[in-house]
Amino acid sequence: MIPAADFHTMPTGESDAGLIEHFAENPVYWASVKIPEVGRHWEEYGTWRRPLLLIDRRLLDPAGSGLQVLEGRTRVGVLRGRLREELHAAPDHRAWVGCP
């Protein structure tokens, strides 16, 4: 489980810079454009239905640190937006993490 606070500044790949923030601007919309169960899951549990994929940044750079979003930018954006807007969000979230 990854604490919600860890997702506040978690980066994604350079080619997707800014994409998480794009989703964070309207978290209710982005959760609602998926199948209806996604929005209901966010409302009830405050988290995503399916774990996202993170990577330990040391896999990209031995001097790196922290985690990076590999797959799940929309979900991380929705979480960031929900936290900012003080909507229901769980304190911890499931993720798969690739480690060295």
Protein backbone atom coordinates (compact mmCIF):
# COMPACT_ATOMS: atom_id res chain seq x y z
CA MET A 1 0.00 0.00 0.00
CA ILE A 2 1.24 3.45 -0.91
CA PRO A 3 0.22 6.46 1.23
CA ALA A 4 -1.95 9.02 -0.57
CA ALA A 5 0.54 11.77 0.28
CA ASP A 6 3.20 10.04 -1.84
CA PHE A 7 1.14 10.70 -4.97
CA HIS A 8 1.09 14.51 -4.54
CA THR A 9 4.31 15.01 -6.49
CA MET A 10 4.98 11.57 -8.00
CA PRO A 11 6.27 12.09 -11.54
CA THR A 12 5.49 10.28 -14.75
CA GLY A 13 7.64 9.92 -17.86
CA GLU A 14 8.95 13.07 -19.52
CA SER A 15 6.75 12.54 -22.59
CA ASP A 16 3.69 12.69 -20.31
CA ALA A 17 4.75 15.68 -18.20
CA GLY A 18 1.70 17.64 -17.09
CA LEU A 19 -0.75 14.86 -17.91
CA ILE A 20 -1.43 13.91 -14.27
CA GLU A 21 -2.18 17.56 -13.49
CA HIS A 22 -4.55 17.70 -16.46
CA PHE A 23 -6.58 14.86 -14.94
CA ALA A 24 -6.34 16.42 -11.44
CA GLU A 25 -8.11 19.57 -12.65
CA ASN A 26 -11.44 17.72 -12.95
CA PRO A 27 -11.29 14.48 -10.96
CA VAL A 28 -15.05 13.85 -10.86
CA TYR A 29 -15.29 14.08 -14.65
CA TRP A 30 -12.34 11.74 -15.30
CA ALA A 31 -13.72 9.14 -12.88
CA SER A 32 -17.15 9.38 -14.52
CA VAL A 33 -16.09 8.90 -18.17
CA LYS A 34 -15.11 5.31 -17.45
CA ILE A 35 -17.63 2.55 -16.77
CA PRO A 36 -20.11 3.58 -14.03
CA GLU A 37 -18.47 1.27 -11.49
CA VAL A 38 -15.32 3.40 -11.54
CA GLY A 39 -17.04 6.54 -10.27
CA ARG A 40 -18.99 4.57 -7.68
CA HIS A 41 -15.79 2.90 -6.48
CA TRP A 42 -14.12 6.29 -5.98
CA GLU A 43 -17.14 7.57 -4.04
CA GLU A 44 -17.43 4.48 -1.85
CA TYR A 45 -13.79 3.49 -1.29
CA GLY A 46 -11.84 6.64 -2.21
CA THR A 47 -9.43 4.75 -4.44
CA TRP A 48 -9.07 3.05 -7.80
CA ARG A 49 -10.55 -0.35 -8.65
CA ARG A 50 -7.39 -1.76 -10.21
CA PRO A 51 -3.83 -1.22 -8.92
CA LEU A 52 -1.66 0.97 -11.09
CA LEU A 53 1.96 0.32 -12.05
CA LEU A 54 4.82 2.25 -10.47
CA ILE A 55 8.53 1.93 -11.00
CA ASP A 56 11.36 2.52 -8.55
CA ARG A 57 13.30 5.38 -10.18
CA ARG A 58 16.60 3.58 -9.46
CA LEU A 59 15.73 1.29 -12.39
CA LEU A 60 16.05 4.32 -14.68
CA ASP A 61 18.96 5.99 -12.93
CA PRO A 62 21.04 4.33 -10.20
CA ALA A 63 21.24 7.70 -8.43
CA GLY A 64 17.45 8.18 -8.66
CA SER A 65 15.05 7.96 -5.77
CA GLY A 66 11.35 7.61 -5.20
CA LEU A 67 8.62 6.15 -7.37
CA GLN A 68 7.38 7.07 -10.84
CA VAL A 69 4.01 6.41 -12.43
CA LEU A 70 4.42 3.91 -15.24
CA GLU A 71 0.74 3.15 -15.92
CA GLY A 72 -2.24 4.80 -14.26
CA ARG A 73 -1.78 8.52 -14.85
CA THR A 74 -5.55 9.11 -14.95
CA ARG A 75 -5.99 7.35 -11.60
CA VAL A 76 -3.18 9.35 -9.97
CA GLY A 77 -4.63 12.57 -11.42
CA VAL A 78 -8.09 11.72 -10.06
CA LEU A 79 -6.56 11.02 -6.64
CA ARG A 80 -4.62 14.32 -6.63
CA GLY A 81 -7.72 16.23 -7.66
CA ARG A 82 -9.89 14.51 -5.04
CA LEU A 83 -7.35 15.34 -2.33
CA ARG A 84 -7.19 19.00 -3.41
CA GLU A 85 -10.97 19.31 -3.57
CA GLU A 86 -11.29 17.54 -0.21
CA LEU A 87 -13.39 14.75 -1.71
CA HIS A 88 -13.37 11.28 -0.14
CA ALA A 89 -9.97 9.65 -0.66
CA ALA A 90 -8.53 6.62 1.11
CA PRO A 91 -5.31 7.18 3.08
CA ASP A 92 -3.50 4.32 1.25
CA HIS A 93 -3.70 2.91 -2.28
CA ARG A 94 -2.73 -0.38 -3.92
CA ALA A 95 -0.07 -0.41 -6.63
CA TRP A 96 2.34 -2.80 -8.29
CA VAL A 97 5.91 -1.56 -7.96
CA GLY A 98 8.83 -2.61 -10.16
CA CYS A 99 12.03 -2.62 -8.07
CA PRO A 100 15.69 -3.21 -8.85
